Amino acid sequence: MGRYTLMRLGVFAGCLVVVWGLVYLGIAPRGLGDSNYMWIVLLALVISAPISFVVLRKERDRASAQVVARVDRMKTNLEQNRSQEDGVDDATRGGVQGQTS
């Protein structure tokens, strides 16, 4: 998962450099007033999102599989804990009921 995040940040950084260069050269429009830096960042975000979606598809699928496996493990552990608690609770109630009879 961390690898995917780093790759996504790398794509964004690359887009940020390219957009900054295009704005600096006057090819891409500048922002209004003091908003030039915000414009560059927003434009880089808009450009990097579809690039990441296409280029990092395999890595995203791997990260998704890891998350699904982790969630399944957690669900299994939770279910095991519940069944253990139910067994202890049933044993305790059975012992208490047996003593009161």
PDB file of N, CA and C in Angstrom:
ATOM      1  N   MET A   1       0.823  -1.184   0.000  1.00  0.00           N
ATOM      2  CA  MET A   1       0.000   0.000   0.000  1.00  0.00           C
ATOM      3  C   MET A   1       0.870   1.253   0.000  1.00  0.00           C
ATOM      4  N   GLY A   2       1.942   1.224   0.776  1.00  0.00           N
ATOM      5  CA  GLY A   2       2.842   2.372   0.824  1.00  0.00           C
ATOM      6  C   GLY A   2       3.536   2.596  -0.506  1.00  0.00           C
ATOM      7  N   ARG A   3       3.808   1.494  -1.193  1.00  0.00           N
ATOM      8  CA  ARG A   3       4.462   1.606  -2.504  1.00  0.00           C
ATOM      9  C   ARG A   3       3.556   2.340  -3.486  1.00  0.00           C
ATOM     10  N   TYR A   4       2.279   2.006  -3.491  1.00  0.00           N
ATOM     11  CA  TYR A   4       1.329   2.671  -4.377  1.00  0.00           C
ATOM     12  C   TYR A   4       1.256   4.162  -4.065  1.00  0.00           C
ATOM     13  N   THR A   5       1.226   4.496  -2.793  1.00  0.00           N
ATOM     14  CA  THR A   5       1.160   5.901  -2.386  1.00  0.00           C
ATOM     15  C   THR A   5       2.391   6.662  -2.850  1.00  0.00           C
ATOM     16  N   LEU A   6       3.563   6.044  -2.683  1.00  0.00           N
ATOM     17  CA  LEU A   6       4.795   6.699  -3.134  1.00  0.00           C
ATOM     18  C   LEU A   6       4.810   6.873  -4.654  1.00  0.00           C
ATOM     19  N   MET A   7       4.332   5.878  -5.368  1.00  0.00           N
ATOM     20  CA  MET A   7       4.282   5.985  -6.833  1.00  0.00           C
ATOM     21  C   MET A   7       3.307   7.082  -7.242  1.00  0.00           C
ATOM     22  N   ARG A   8       2.197   7.176  -6.545  1.00  0.00           N
ATOM     23  CA  ARG A   8       1.207   8.219  -6.846  1.00  0.00           C
ATOM     24  C   ARG A   8       1.779   9.606  -6.577  1.00  0.00           C
ATOM     25  N   LEU A   9       2.513   9.741  -5.480  1.00  0.00           N
ATOM     26  CA  LEU A   9       3.173  11.013  -5.189  1.00  0.00           C
ATOM     27  C   LEU A   9       4.227  11.346  -6.236  1.00  0.00           C
ATOM     28  N   GLY A  10       4.908  10.321  -6.733  1.00  0.00           N
ATOM     29  CA  GLY A  10       5.898  10.532  -7.791  1.00  0.00           C
ATOM     30  C   GLY A  10       5.256  11.048  -9.071  1.00  0.00           C
ATOM     31  N   VAL A  11       4.126  10.492  -9.444  1.00  0.00           N
ATOM     32  CA  VAL A  11       3.408  10.960 -10.635  1.00  0.00           C
ATOM     33  C   VAL A  11       2.974  12.410 -10.436  1.00  0.00           C
ATOM     34  N   PHE A  12       2.465  12.715  -9.235  1.00  0.00           N
ATOM     35  CA  PHE A  12       2.060  14.092  -8.955  1.00  0.00           C
ATOM     36  C   PHE A  12       3.252  15.047  -9.018  1.00  0.00           C
ATOM     37  N   ALA A  13       4.375  14.652  -8.437  1.00  0.00           N
ATOM     38  CA  ALA A  13       5.564  15.514  -8.458  1.00  0.00           C
ATOM     39  C   ALA A  13       6.031  15.761  -9.890  1.00  0.00           C
ATOM     40  N   GLY A  14       6.004  14.720 -10.709  1.00  0.00           N
ATOM     41  CA  GLY A  14       6.367  14.890 -12.112  1.00  0.00           C
ATOM     42  C   GLY A  14       5.435  15.855 -12.823  1.00  0.00           C
ATOM     43  N   CYS A  15       4.156  15.703 -12.588  1.00  0.00           N
ATOM     44  CA  CYS A  15       3.179  16.615 -13.198  1.00  0.00           C
ATOM     45  C   CYS A  15       3.364  18.036 -12.685  1.00  0.00           C
ATOM     46  N   LEU A  16       3.688  18.174 -11.416  1.00  0.00           N
ATOM     47  CA  LEU A  16       3.907  19.494 -10.835  1.00  0.00           C
ATOM     48  C   LEU A  16       5.083  20.196 -11.515  1.00  0.00           C
ATOM     49  N   VAL A  17       6.162  19.475 -11.746  1.00  0.00           N
ATOM     50  CA  VAL A  17       7.336  20.054 -12.421  1.00  0.00           C
ATOM     51  C   VAL A  17       6.986  20.453 -13.852  1.00  0.00           C
ATOM     52  N   VAL A  18       6.281  19.580 -14.555  1.00  0.00           N
ATOM     53  CA  VAL A  18       5.910  19.871 -15.942  1.00  0.00           C
ATOM     54  C   VAL A  18       4.981  21.079 -16.013  1.00  0.00           C
ATOM     55  N   VAL A  19       3.976  21.126 -15.170  1.00  0.00           N
ATOM     56  CA  VAL A  19       3.029  22.249 -15.180  1.00  0.00           C
ATOM     57  C   VAL A  19       3.752  23.541 -14.816  1.00  0.00           C
ATOM     58  N   TRP A  20       4.615  23.488 -13.805  1.00  0.00           N
ATOM     59  CA  TRP A  20       5.368  24.678 -13.425  1.00  0.00           C
ATOM     60  C   TRP A  20       6.194  25.183 -14.615  1.00  0.00           C
ATOM     61  N   GLY A  21       6.844  24.250 -15.329  1.00  0.00           N
ATOM     62  CA  GLY A  21       7.628  24.642 -16.502  1.00  0.00           C
ATOM     63  C   GLY A  21       6.760  25.263 -17.590  1.00  0.00           C
ATOM     64  N   LEU A  22       5.596  24.684 -17.830  1.00  0.00           N
ATOM     65  CA  LEU A  22       4.702  25.217 -18.862  1.00  0.00           C
ATOM     66  C   LEU A  22       4.177  26.605 -18.489  1.00  0.00           C
ATOM     67  N   VAL A  23       3.874  26.814 -17.220  1.00  0.00           N
ATOM     68  CA  VAL A  23       3.408  28.132 -16.775  1.00  0.00           C
ATOM     69  C   VAL A  23       4.560  29.130 -16.843  1.00  0.00           C
ATOM     70  N   TYR A  24       5.732  28.715 -16.438  1.00  0.00           N
ATOM     71  CA  TYR A  24       6.904  29.591 -16.460  1.00  0.00           C
ATOM     72  C   TYR A  24       7.230  30.032 -17.886  1.00  0.00           C
ATOM     73  N   LEU A  25       7.098  29.105 -18.846  1.00  0.00           N
ATOM     74  CA  LEU A  25       7.383  29.426 -20.249  1.00  0.00           C
ATOM     75  C   LEU A  25       6.234  30.180 -20.917  1.00  0.00           C
ATOM     76  N   GLY A  26       5.098  30.276 -20.257  1.00  0.00           N
ATOM     77  CA  GLY A  26       3.969  31.000 -20.817  1.00  0.00           C
ATOM     78  C   GLY A  26       3.088  30.150 -21.709  1.00  0.00           C
ATOM     79  N   ILE A  27       3.333  28.854 -21.771  1.00  0.00           N
ATOM     80  CA  ILE A  27       2.523  27.958 -22.597  1.00  0.00           C
ATOM     81  C   ILE A  27       1.168  27.699 -21.923  1.00  0.00           C
ATOM     82  N   ALA A  28       1.189  27.477 -20.620  1.00  0.00           N
ATOM     83  CA  ALA A  28      -0.047  27.310 -19.853  1.00  0.00           C
ATOM     84  C   ALA A  28      -0.376  28.655 -19.200  1.00  0.00           C
ATOM     85  N   PRO A  29      -1.660  28.935 -19.009  1.00  0.00           N
ATOM     86  CA  PRO A  29      -2.032  30.240 -18.426  1.00  0.00           C
ATOM     87  C   PRO A  29      -1.608  30.351 -16.965  1.00  0.00           C
ATOM     88  N   ARG A  30      -1.322  31.560 -16.547  1.00  0.00           N
ATOM     89  CA  ARG A  30      -0.988  31.849 -15.153  1.00  0.00           C
ATOM     90  C   ARG A  30      -2.277  32.030 -14.356  1.00  0.00           C
ATOM     91  N   GLY A  31      -2.175  31.878 -13.055  1.00  0.00           N
ATOM     92  CA  GLY A  31      -3.317  32.119 -12.185  1.00  0.00           C
ATOM     93  C   GLY A  31      -3.561  33.610 -12.045  1.00  0.00           C
ATOM     94  N   LEU A  32      -4.670  33.950 -11.458  1.00  0.00           N
ATOM     95  CA  LEU A  32      -5.015  35.355 -11.255  1.00  0.00           C
ATOM     96  C   LEU A  32      -4.315  35.901 -10.020  1.00  0.00           C
ATOM     97  N   GLY A  33      -3.655  37.014 -10.143  1.00  0.00           N
ATOM     98  CA  GLY A  33      -3.006  37.669  -9.014  1.00  0.00           C
ATOM     99  C   GLY A  33      -1.965  36.785  -8.347  1.00  0.00           C
ATOM    100  N   ASP A  34      -2.136  36.595  -7.029  1.00  0.00           N
ATOM    101  CA  ASP A  34      -1.195  35.779  -6.257  1.00  0.00           C
ATOM    102  C   ASP A  34      -1.558  34.295  -6.248  1.00  0.00           C
ATOM    103  N   SER A  35      -2.536  33.892  -7.002  1.00  0.00           N
ATOM    104  CA  SER A  35      -2.988  32.501  -6.980  1.00  0.00           C
ATOM    105  C   SER A  35      -2.201  31.604  -7.927  1.00  0.00           C
ATOM    106  N   ASN A  36      -1.093  32.074  -8.464  1.00  0.00           N
ATOM    107  CA  ASN A  36      -0.339  31.300  -9.443  1.00  0.00           C
ATOM    108  C   ASN A  36       0.111  29.952  -8.874  1.00  0.00           C
ATOM    109  N   TYR A  37       0.624  29.918  -7.635  1.00  0.00           N
ATOM    110  CA  TYR A  37       1.093  28.657  -7.056  1.00  0.00           C
ATOM    111  C   TYR A  37      -0.060  27.687  -6.829  1.00  0.00           C
ATOM    112  N   MET A  38      -1.177  28.205  -6.383  1.00  0.00           N
ATOM    113  CA  MET A  38      -2.351  27.353  -6.180  1.00  0.00           C
ATOM    114  C   MET A  38      -2.840  26.807  -7.523  1.00  0.00           C
ATOM    115  N   TRP A  39      -2.809  27.622  -8.544  1.00  0.00           N
ATOM    116  CA  TRP A  39      -3.203  27.197  -9.886  1.00  0.00           C
ATOM    117  C   TRP A  39      -2.309  26.057 -10.370  1.00  0.00           C
ATOM    118  N   ILE A  40      -1.023  26.195 -10.157  1.00  0.00           N
ATOM    119  CA  ILE A  40      -0.077  25.164 -10.599  1.00  0.00           C
ATOM    120  C   ILE A  40      -0.353  23.846  -9.868  1.00  0.00           C
ATOM    121  N   VAL A  41      -0.565  23.905  -8.570  1.00  0.00           N
ATOM    122  CA  VAL A  41      -0.832  22.690  -7.790  1.00  0.00           C
ATOM    123  C   VAL A  41      -2.149  22.045  -8.226  1.00  0.00           C
ATOM    124  N   LEU A  42      -3.195  22.838  -8.389  1.00  0.00           N
ATOM    125  CA  LEU A  42      -4.487  22.285  -8.803  1.00  0.00           C
ATOM    126  C   LEU A  42      -4.423  21.677 -10.197  1.00  0.00           C
ATOM    127  N   LEU A  43      -3.753  22.352 -11.101  1.00  0.00           N
ATOM    128  CA  LEU A  43      -3.617  21.811 -12.453  1.00  0.00           C
ATOM    129  C   LEU A  43      -2.813  20.511 -12.443  1.00  0.00           C
ATOM    130  N   ALA A  44      -1.769  20.451 -11.625  1.00  0.00           N
ATOM    131  CA  ALA A  44      -0.988  19.220 -11.505  1.00  0.00           C
ATOM    132  C   ALA A  44      -1.823  18.088 -10.920  1.00  0.00           C
ATOM    133  N   LEU A  45      -2.681  18.394  -9.948  1.00  0.00           N
ATOM    134  CA  LEU A  45      -3.574  17.374  -9.383  1.00  0.00           C
ATOM    135  C   LEU A  45      -4.544  16.834 -10.423  1.00  0.00           C
ATOM    136  N   VAL A  46      -5.119  17.742 -11.191  1.00  0.00           N
ATOM    137  CA  VAL A  46      -6.097  17.343 -12.213  1.00  0.00           C
ATOM    138  C   VAL A  46      -5.435  16.486 -13.291  1.00  0.00           C
ATOM    139  N   ILE A  47      -4.215  16.808 -13.637  1.00  0.00           N
ATOM    140  CA  ILE A  47      -3.514  16.047 -14.681  1.00  0.00           C
ATOM    141  C   ILE A  47      -3.005  14.713 -14.137  1.00  0.00           C
ATOM    142  N   SER A  48      -2.518  14.698 -12.900  1.00  0.00           N
ATOM    143  CA  SER A  48      -1.927  13.474 -12.357  1.00  0.00           C
ATOM    144  C   SER A  48      -2.964  12.406 -12.022  1.00  0.00           C
ATOM    145  N   ALA A  49      -4.191  12.800 -11.712  1.00  0.00           N
ATOM    146  CA  ALA A  49      -5.211  11.810 -11.333  1.00  0.00           C
ATOM    147  C   ALA A  49      -5.496  10.793 -12.442  1.00  0.00           C
ATOM    148  N   PRO A  50      -5.821  11.228 -13.678  1.00  0.00           N
ATOM    149  CA  PRO A  50      -6.070  10.215 -14.708  1.00  0.00           C
ATOM    150  C   PRO A  50      -4.804   9.451 -15.106  1.00  0.00           C
ATOM    151  N   ILE A  51      -3.660  10.110 -15.047  1.00  0.00           N
ATOM    152  CA  ILE A  51      -2.412   9.410 -15.369  1.00  0.00           C
ATOM    153  C   ILE A  51      -2.178   8.298 -14.351  1.00  0.00           C
ATOM    154  N   SER A  52      -2.348   8.591 -13.063  1.00  0.00           N
ATOM    155  CA  SER A  52      -2.182   7.575 -12.020  1.00  0.00           C
ATOM    156  C   SER A  52      -3.197   6.454 -12.190  1.00  0.00           C
ATOM    157  N   PHE A  53      -4.419   6.808 -12.551  1.00  0.00           N
ATOM    158  CA  PHE A  53      -5.467   5.808 -12.714  1.00  0.00           C
ATOM    159  C   PHE A  53      -5.095   4.788 -13.791  1.00  0.00           C
ATOM    160  N   VAL A  54      -4.507   5.259 -14.881  1.00  0.00           N
ATOM    161  CA  VAL A  54      -4.157   4.362 -15.981  1.00  0.00           C
ATOM    162  C   VAL A  54      -2.822   3.675 -15.750  1.00  0.00           C
ATOM    163  N   VAL A  55      -1.810   4.442 -15.380  1.00  0.00           N
ATOM    164  CA  VAL A  55      -0.448   3.909 -15.290  1.00  0.00           C
ATOM    165  C   VAL A  55      -0.264   2.990 -14.087  1.00  0.00           C
ATOM    166  N   LEU A  56      -0.915   3.279 -12.984  1.00  0.00           N
ATOM    167  CA  LEU A  56      -0.712   2.517 -11.752  1.00  0.00           C
ATOM    168  C   LEU A  56      -1.808   1.485 -11.500  1.00  0.00           C
ATOM    169  N   ARG A  57      -2.472   1.059 -12.542  1.00  0.00           N
ATOM    170  CA  ARG A  57      -3.587   0.104 -12.394  1.00  0.00           C
ATOM    171  C   ARG A  57      -3.148  -1.189 -11.706  1.00  0.00           C
ATOM    172  N   LYS A  58      -2.050  -1.788 -12.158  1.00  0.00           N
ATOM    173  CA  LYS A  58      -1.598  -3.057 -11.570  1.00  0.00           C
ATOM    174  C   LYS A  58      -1.204  -2.880 -10.103  1.00  0.00           C
ATOM    175  N   GLU A  59      -0.506  -1.805  -9.806  1.00  0.00           N
ATOM    176  CA  GLU A  59      -0.097  -1.553  -8.428  1.00  0.00           C
ATOM    177  C   GLU A  59      -1.310  -1.295  -7.533  1.00  0.00           C
ATOM    178  N   ARG A  60      -2.312  -0.602  -8.067  1.00  0.00           N
ATOM    179  CA  ARG A  60      -3.533  -0.337  -7.311  1.00  0.00           C
ATOM    180  C   ARG A  60      -4.268  -1.648  -7.034  1.00  0.00           C
ATOM    181  N   ASP A  61      -4.292  -2.553  -8.007  1.00  0.00           N
ATOM    182  CA  ASP A  61      -4.937  -3.847  -7.807  1.00  0.00           C
ATOM    183  C   ASP A  61      -4.207  -4.658  -6.735  1.00  0.00           C
ATOM    184  N   ARG A  62      -2.868  -4.607  -6.728  1.00  0.00           N
ATOM    185  CA  ARG A  62      -2.099  -5.307  -5.691  1.00  0.00           C
ATOM    186  C   ARG A  62      -2.403  -4.729  -4.312  1.00  0.00           C
ATOM    187  N   ALA A  63      -2.427  -3.417  -4.219  1.00  0.00           N
ATOM    188  CA  ALA A  63      -2.721  -2.768  -2.938  1.00  0.00           C
ATOM    189  C   ALA A  63      -4.131  -3.121  -2.476  1.00  0.00           C
ATOM    190  N   SER A  64      -5.070  -3.164  -3.399  1.00  0.00           N
ATOM    191  CA  SER A  64      -6.447  -3.510  -3.062  1.00  0.00           C
ATOM    192  C   SER A  64      -6.529  -4.952  -2.560  1.00  0.00           C
ATOM    193  N   ALA A  65      -5.806  -5.858  -3.183  1.00  0.00           N
ATOM    194  CA  ALA A  65      -5.800  -7.253  -2.745  1.00  0.00           C
ATOM    195  C   ALA A  65      -5.225  -7.366  -1.329  1.00  0.00           C
ATOM    196  N   GLN A  66      -4.205  -6.581  -1.027  1.00  0.00           N
ATOM    197  CA  GLN A  66      -3.626  -6.598   0.316  1.00  0.00           C
ATOM    198  C   GLN A  66      -4.627  -6.096   1.347  1.00  0.00           C
ATOM    199  N   VAL A  67      -5.361  -5.048   1.006  1.00  0.00           N
ATOM    200  CA  VAL A  67      -6.354  -4.502   1.928  1.00  0.00           C
ATOM    201  C   VAL A  67      -7.472  -5.520   2.153  1.00  0.00           C
ATOM    202  N   VAL A  68      -7.934  -6.171   1.086  1.00  0.00           N
ATOM    203  CA  VAL A  68      -9.001  -7.167   1.215  1.00  0.00           C
ATOM    204  C   VAL A  68      -8.531  -8.332   2.083  1.00  0.00           C
ATOM    205  N   ALA A  69      -7.300  -8.783   1.885  1.00  0.00           N
ATOM    206  CA  ALA A  69      -6.767  -9.883   2.693  1.00  0.00           C
ATOM    207  C   ALA A  69      -6.684  -9.477   4.159  1.00  0.00           C
ATOM    208  N   ARG A  70      -6.257  -8.267   4.422  1.00  0.00           N
ATOM    209  CA  ARG A  70      -6.150  -7.779   5.805  1.00  0.00           C
ATOM    210  C   ARG A  70      -7.529  -7.696   6.458  1.00  0.00           C
ATOM    211  N   VAL A  71      -8.511  -7.218   5.723  1.00  0.00           N
ATOM    212  CA  VAL A  71      -9.871  -7.114   6.270  1.00  0.00           C
ATOM    213  C   VAL A  71     -10.437  -8.508   6.536  1.00  0.00           C
ATOM    214  N   ASP A  72     -10.190  -9.445   5.627  1.00  0.00           N
ATOM    215  CA  ASP A  72     -10.675 -10.811   5.834  1.00  0.00           C
ATOM    216  C   ASP A  72     -10.042 -11.442   7.073  1.00  0.00           C
ATOM    217  N   ARG A  73      -8.726 -11.203   7.277  1.00  0.00           N
ATOM    218  CA  ARG A  73      -8.055 -11.719   8.476  1.00  0.00           C
ATOM    219  C   ARG A  73      -8.667 -11.121   9.735  1.00  0.00           C
ATOM    220  N   MET A  74      -8.934  -9.835   9.689  1.00  0.00           N
ATOM    221  CA  MET A  74      -9.519  -9.180  10.861  1.00  0.00           C
ATOM    222  C   MET A  74     -10.918  -9.724  11.146  1.00  0.00           C
ATOM    223  N   LYS A  75     -11.713  -9.958  10.099  1.00  0.00           N
ATOM    224  CA  LYS A  75     -13.045 -10.517  10.295  1.00  0.00           C
ATOM    225  C   LYS A  75     -12.965 -11.916  10.895  1.00  0.00           C
ATOM    226  N   THR A  76     -12.021 -12.728  10.406  1.00  0.00           N
ATOM    227  CA  THR A  76     -11.846 -14.080  10.926  1.00  0.00           C
ATOM    228  C   THR A  76     -11.449 -14.038  12.396  1.00  0.00           C
ATOM    229  N   ASN A  77     -10.494 -13.180  12.730  1.00  0.00           N
ATOM    230  CA  ASN A  77     -10.070 -13.055  14.128  1.00  0.00           C
ATOM    231  C   ASN A  77     -11.211 -12.579  15.012  1.00  0.00           C
ATOM    232  N   LEU A  78     -11.997 -11.636  14.533  1.00  0.00           N
ATOM    233  CA  LEU A  78     -13.128 -11.134  15.304  1.00  0.00           C
ATOM    234  C   LEU A  78     -14.154 -12.240  15.530  1.00  0.00           C
ATOM    235  N   GLU A  79     -14.424 -13.021  14.508  1.00  0.00           N
ATOM    236  CA  GLU A  79     -15.382 -14.115  14.636  1.00  0.00           C
ATOM    237  C   GLU A  79     -14.872 -15.174  15.611  1.00  0.00           C
ATOM    238  N   GLN A  80     -13.567 -15.464  15.572  1.00  0.00           N
ATOM    239  CA  GLN A  80     -12.990 -16.422  16.517  1.00  0.00           C
ATOM    240  C   GLN A  80     -13.118 -15.896  17.948  1.00  0.00           C
ATOM    241  N   ASN A  81     -12.847 -14.624  18.137  1.00  0.00           N
ATOM    242  CA  ASN A  81     -12.971 -14.036  19.477  1.00  0.00           C
ATOM    243  C   ASN A  81     -14.409 -14.089  19.964  1.00  0.00           C
ATOM    244  N   ARG A  82     -15.351 -13.811  19.070  1.00  0.00           N
ATOM    245  CA  ARG A  82     -16.762 -13.877  19.461  1.00  0.00           C
ATOM    246  C   ARG A  82     -17.160 -15.288  19.875  1.00  0.00           C
ATOM    247  N   SER A  83     -16.727 -16.279  19.091  1.00  0.00           N
ATOM    248  CA  SER A  83     -17.095 -17.655  19.417  1.00  0.00           C
ATOM    249  C   SER A  83     -16.451 -18.096  20.725  1.00  0.00           C
ATOM    250  N   GLN A  84     -15.219 -17.648  21.000  1.00  0.00           N
ATOM    251  CA  GLN A  84     -14.580 -17.970  22.275  1.00  0.00           C
ATOM    252  C   GLN A  84     -15.335 -17.318  23.423  1.00  0.00           C
ATOM    253  N   GLU A  85     -15.713 -16.056  23.250  1.00  0.00           N
ATOM    254  CA  GLU A  85     -16.465 -15.365  24.295  1.00  0.00           C
ATOM    255  C   GLU A  85     -17.812 -16.039  24.526  1.00  0.00           C
ATOM    256  N   ASP A  86     -18.475 -16.458  23.441  1.00  0.00           N
ATOM    257  CA  ASP A  86     -19.760 -17.135  23.584  1.00  0.00           C
ATOM    258  C   ASP A  86     -19.580 -18.454  24.328  1.00  0.00           C
ATOM    259  N   GLY A  87     -18.514 -19.188  24.028  1.00  0.00           N
ATOM    260  CA  GLY A  87     -18.254 -20.459  24.707  1.00  0.00           C
ATOM    261  C   GLY A  87     -17.996 -20.253  26.186  1.00  0.00           C
ATOM    262  N   VAL A  88     -17.204 -19.260  26.525  1.00  0.00           N
ATOM    263  CA  VAL A  88     -16.928 -18.964  27.929  1.00  0.00           C
ATOM    264  C   VAL A  88     -18.201 -18.507  28.628  1.00  0.00           C
ATOM    265  N   ASP A  89     -18.973 -17.658  27.954  1.00  0.00           N
ATOM    266  CA  ASP A  89     -20.223 -17.156  28.536  1.00  0.00           C
ATOM    267  C   ASP A  89     -21.206 -18.298  28.767  1.00  0.00           C
ATOM    268  N   ASP A  90     -21.334 -19.196  27.782  1.00  0.00           N
ATOM    269  CA  ASP A  90     -22.241 -20.333  27.932  1.00  0.00           C
ATOM    270  C   ASP A  90     -21.778 -21.241  29.068  1.00  0.00           C
ATOM    271  N   ALA A  91     -20.474 -21.478  29.167  1.00  0.00           N
ATOM    272  CA  ALA A  91     -19.940 -22.332  30.233  1.00  0.00           C
ATOM    273  C   ALA A  91     -20.188 -21.700  31.594  1.00  0.00           C
ATOM    274  N   THR A  92     -20.002 -20.407  31.665  1.00  0.00           N
ATOM    275  CA  THR A  92     -20.209 -19.707  32.931  1.00  0.00           C
ATOM    276  C   THR A  92     -21.670 -19.739  33.324  1.00  0.00           C
ATOM    277  N   ARG A  93     -22.549 -19.481  32.390  1.00  0.00           N
ATOM    278  CA  ARG A  93     -23.983 -19.512  32.686  1.00  0.00           C
ATOM    279  C   ARG A  93     -24.442 -20.920  33.044  1.00  0.00           C
ATOM    280  N   GLY A  94     -23.896 -21.902  32.338  1.00  0.00           N
ATOM    281  CA  GLY A  94     -24.266 -23.293  32.645  1.00  0.00           C
ATOM    282  C   GLY A  94     -23.821 -23.683  34.035  1.00  0.00           C
ATOM    283  N   GLY A  95     -22.623 -23.249  34.430  1.00  0.00           N
ATOM    284  CA  GLY A  95     -22.110 -23.548  35.756  1.00  0.00           C
ATOM    285  C   GLY A  95     -22.915 -22.852  36.832  1.00  0.00           C
ATOM    286  N   VAL A  96     -23.304 -21.620  36.592  1.00  0.00           N
ATOM    287  CA  VAL A  96     -24.084 -20.855  37.561  1.00  0.00           C
ATOM    288  C   VAL A  96     -25.487 -21.452  37.683  1.00  0.00           C
ATOM    289  N   GLN A  97     -26.091 -21.825  36.564  1.00  0.00           N
ATOM    290  CA  GLN A  97     -27.424 -22.392  36.590  1.00  0.00           C
ATOM    291  C   GLN A  97     -27.414 -23.753  37.269  1.00  0.00           C
ATOM    292  N   GLY A  98     -26.351 -24.499  37.019  1.00  0.00           N
ATOM    293  CA  GLY A  98     -26.246 -25.819  37.650  1.00  0.00           C
ATOM    294  C   GLY A  98     -26.117 -25.714  39.161  1.00  0.00           C
ATOM    295  N   GLN A  99     -25.490 -24.663  39.665  1.00  0.00           N
ATOM    296  CA  GLN A  99     -25.317 -24.487  41.101  1.00  0.00           C
ATOM    297  C   GLN A  99     -26.600 -24.006  41.764  1.00  0.00           C
ATOM    298  N   THR A 100     -27.410 -23.259  41.045  1.00  0.00           N
ATOM    299  CA  THR A 100     -28.619 -22.712  41.631  1.00  0.00           C
ATOM    300  C   THR A 100     -29.763 -23.717  41.642  1.00  0.00           C
ATOM    301  N   SER A 101     -29.658 -24.788  40.884  1.00  0.00           N
ATOM    302  CA  SER A 101     -30.763 -25.737  40.812  1.00  0.00           C
ATOM    303  C   SER A 101     -30.855 -26.615  42.031  1.00  0.00           C
TER     304      SER A 101
END
